[in-house]
Amino acid sequence: MNKHFKSTVLFFSRIGFRMLIVLFFTAAASTIFSCARNKTEFPEPDLLLSEEQMIDVIQDVHLAEATLNFKRNIGQVFDRNKTIYFDRIFVEHGLTPEIFEKNLLYYNQKPEVMEKIYEEVIARLLVQQGEITVEN
């Protein structure tokens, strides 16, 4: 497990991982409801990611965002790292930002599916947090 991930999880352990869950559900709900009001329909992307792939990518995106927020909170410069983190995620998953965005827009039209995806992301993050806590 990499050092940045450990420090991020430890940071959230201190402030309360439950708060992170609340933030995830808030973000998911706002995305779902904002899309519900938006009548624009997004077609199925040429490269449609499976739900499992979306879970993997979203999990990595949230870990990267949490790491960047942690770095910002302790006074480290993170603007340069943001591009590096997200480029690494997209390369690791064989995606481009555009492919991910099109899939996110497509899946956001399906609130039940997005809810299921986010529930799994949160479950996996909780397992990872438990593994970090046990190691310490």
Protein backbone atom coordinates (compact mmCIF):
# COMPACT_ATOMS: atom_id res chain seq x y z
CA MET A 1 0.00 0.00 0.00
CA ASN A 2 1.50 3.36 -0.94
CA LYS A 3 2.54 5.98 1.59
CA HIS A 4 0.14 8.68 0.33
CA PHE A 5 -2.84 6.37 0.60
CA LYS A 6 -1.90 5.42 4.18
CA SER A 7 -1.55 9.05 5.22
CA THR A 8 -4.88 9.91 3.60
CA VAL A 9 -6.70 7.09 5.36
CA LEU A 10 -5.06 7.99 8.67
CA PHE A 11 -6.15 11.59 8.17
CA PHE A 12 -9.74 10.49 7.63
CA SER A 13 -9.49 8.12 10.59
CA ARG A 14 -8.72 11.12 12.75
CA ILE A 15 -11.54 13.33 11.46
CA GLY A 16 -13.98 10.47 11.27
CA PHE A 17 -14.46 8.18 8.35
CA ARG A 18 -18.20 8.48 8.86
CA MET A 19 -17.88 12.12 7.78
CA LEU A 20 -16.28 10.91 4.55
CA ILE A 21 -19.24 8.62 3.96
CA VAL A 22 -21.64 11.51 4.49
CA LEU A 23 -19.65 13.54 1.95
CA PHE A 24 -19.80 10.70 -0.60
CA PHE A 25 -23.55 10.28 -0.23
CA THR A 26 -24.02 14.04 -0.44
CA ALA A 27 -21.98 14.20 -3.62
CA ALA A 28 -23.79 11.22 -5.10
CA ALA A 29 -27.22 12.57 -4.19
CA SER A 30 -26.51 16.03 -5.56
CA THR A 31 -25.23 14.51 -8.79
CA ILE A 32 -28.26 12.30 -9.12
CA PHE A 33 -30.77 15.05 -8.37
CA SER A 34 -29.09 17.61 -10.57
CA CYS A 35 -29.17 15.15 -13.45
CA ALA A 36 -32.80 14.36 -12.76
CA ARG A 37 -33.67 18.02 -13.32
CA ASN A 38 -31.52 18.20 -16.44
CA LYS A 39 -33.51 16.82 -19.37
CA THR A 40 -30.43 16.34 -21.55
CA GLU A 41 -29.97 12.69 -22.36
CA PHE A 42 -26.48 11.41 -22.82
CA PRO A 43 -26.07 8.51 -25.23
CA GLU A 44 -24.31 5.32 -24.30
CA PRO A 45 -20.59 5.99 -24.75
CA ASP A 46 -18.69 4.20 -27.51
CA LEU A 47 -16.57 2.64 -24.77
CA LEU A 48 -19.07 1.80 -22.03
CA LEU A 49 -17.39 0.90 -18.76
CA SER A 50 -18.96 -1.86 -16.73
CA GLU A 51 -20.33 -1.06 -13.29
CA GLU A 52 -17.31 -2.85 -11.79
CA GLN A 53 -14.94 -0.68 -13.83
CA MET A 54 -16.80 2.46 -12.74
CA ILE A 55 -16.49 1.36 -9.11
CA ASP A 56 -12.74 0.87 -9.50
CA VAL A 57 -12.19 4.22 -11.20
CA ILE A 58 -14.44 6.22 -8.86
CA GLN A 59 -12.75 4.63 -5.85
CA ASP A 60 -9.34 5.68 -7.16
CA VAL A 61 -10.62 9.18 -8.00
CA HIS A 62 -11.95 9.66 -4.48
CA LEU A 63 -8.69 8.43 -2.95
CA ALA A 64 -6.75 10.84 -5.14
CA GLU A 65 -9.06 13.73 -4.19
CA ALA A 66 -8.74 12.87 -0.51
CA THR A 67 -4.95 12.74 -0.79
CA LEU A 68 -4.86 16.10 -2.56
CA ASN A 69 -7.16 17.66 0.06
CA PHE A 70 -4.94 16.27 2.80
CA LYS A 71 -1.85 17.76 1.15
CA ARG A 72 -3.58 21.11 0.79
CA ASN A 73 -4.66 21.05 4.44
CA ILE A 74 -1.11 20.52 5.64
CA GLY A 75 0.19 23.30 3.41
CA GLN A 76 1.75 21.33 0.58
CA VAL A 77 1.48 22.50 -3.00
CA PHE A 78 -0.83 20.12 -4.78
CA ASP A 79 -1.78 21.73 -8.12
CA ARG A 80 1.03 19.97 -9.95
CA ASN A 81 0.23 16.68 -8.23
CA LYS A 82 -3.42 16.84 -9.27
CA THR A 83 -2.59 16.26 -12.92
CA ILE A 84 -0.12 13.52 -12.03
CA TYR A 85 -2.63 11.69 -9.80
CA PHE A 86 -5.47 11.78 -12.29
CA ASP A 87 -3.27 10.96 -15.29
CA ARG A 88 -2.00 7.93 -13.38
CA ILE A 89 -5.56 6.80 -12.61
CA PHE A 90 -6.63 7.09 -16.24
CA VAL A 91 -3.52 5.30 -17.54
CA GLU A 92 -3.93 2.54 -14.94
CA HIS A 93 -7.51 1.95 -16.07
CA GLY A 94 -6.79 2.42 -19.80
CA LEU A 95 -9.01 5.50 -20.04
CA THR A 96 -8.90 9.11 -21.07
CA PRO A 97 -10.57 11.87 -19.05
CA GLU A 98 -13.12 12.20 -21.86
CA ILE A 99 -14.05 8.50 -21.75
CA PHE A 100 -14.51 8.67 -17.98
CA GLU A 101 -16.57 11.86 -18.21
CA LYS A 102 -18.87 10.40 -20.88
CA ASN A 103 -19.39 7.29 -18.77
CA LEU A 104 -20.04 9.37 -15.65
CA LEU A 105 -22.63 11.45 -17.50
CA TYR A 106 -24.25 8.31 -18.89
CA TYR A 107 -24.39 6.50 -15.53
CA ASN A 108 -25.63 9.63 -13.75
CA GLN A 109 -28.84 9.27 -15.77
CA LYS A 110 -29.40 5.98 -13.97
CA PRO A 111 -29.81 6.92 -10.29
CA GLU A 112 -30.36 3.34 -9.09
CA VAL A 113 -27.17 2.18 -10.78
CA MET A 114 -25.13 5.13 -9.51
CA GLU A 115 -26.40 4.54 -5.99
CA LYS A 116 -25.30 0.91 -6.22
CA ILE A 117 -21.90 1.98 -7.57
CA TYR A 118 -21.35 4.47 -4.76
CA GLU A 119 -22.48 2.00 -2.12
CA GLU A 120 -19.79 -0.40 -3.32
CA VAL A 121 -17.16 2.37 -3.47
CA ILE A 122 -17.94 3.28 0.14
CA ALA A 123 -17.89 -0.36 1.24
CA ARG A 124 -14.47 -0.84 -0.33
CA LEU A 125 -13.11 2.35 1.22
CA LEU A 126 -14.33 1.21 4.63
CA VAL A 127 -12.55 -2.13 4.17
CA GLN A 128 -9.35 -0.31 3.21
CA GLN A 129 -9.69 1.96 6.21
CA GLY A 130 -10.09 -1.08 8.45
CA GLU A 131 -6.95 -2.64 6.98
CA ILE A 132 -4.96 0.53 7.68
CA THR A 133 -6.29 0.75 11.23
CA VAL A 134 -5.33 -2.87 11.91
CA GLU A 135 -1.80 -2.28 10.57
CA ASN A 136 -1.23 0.59 12.97
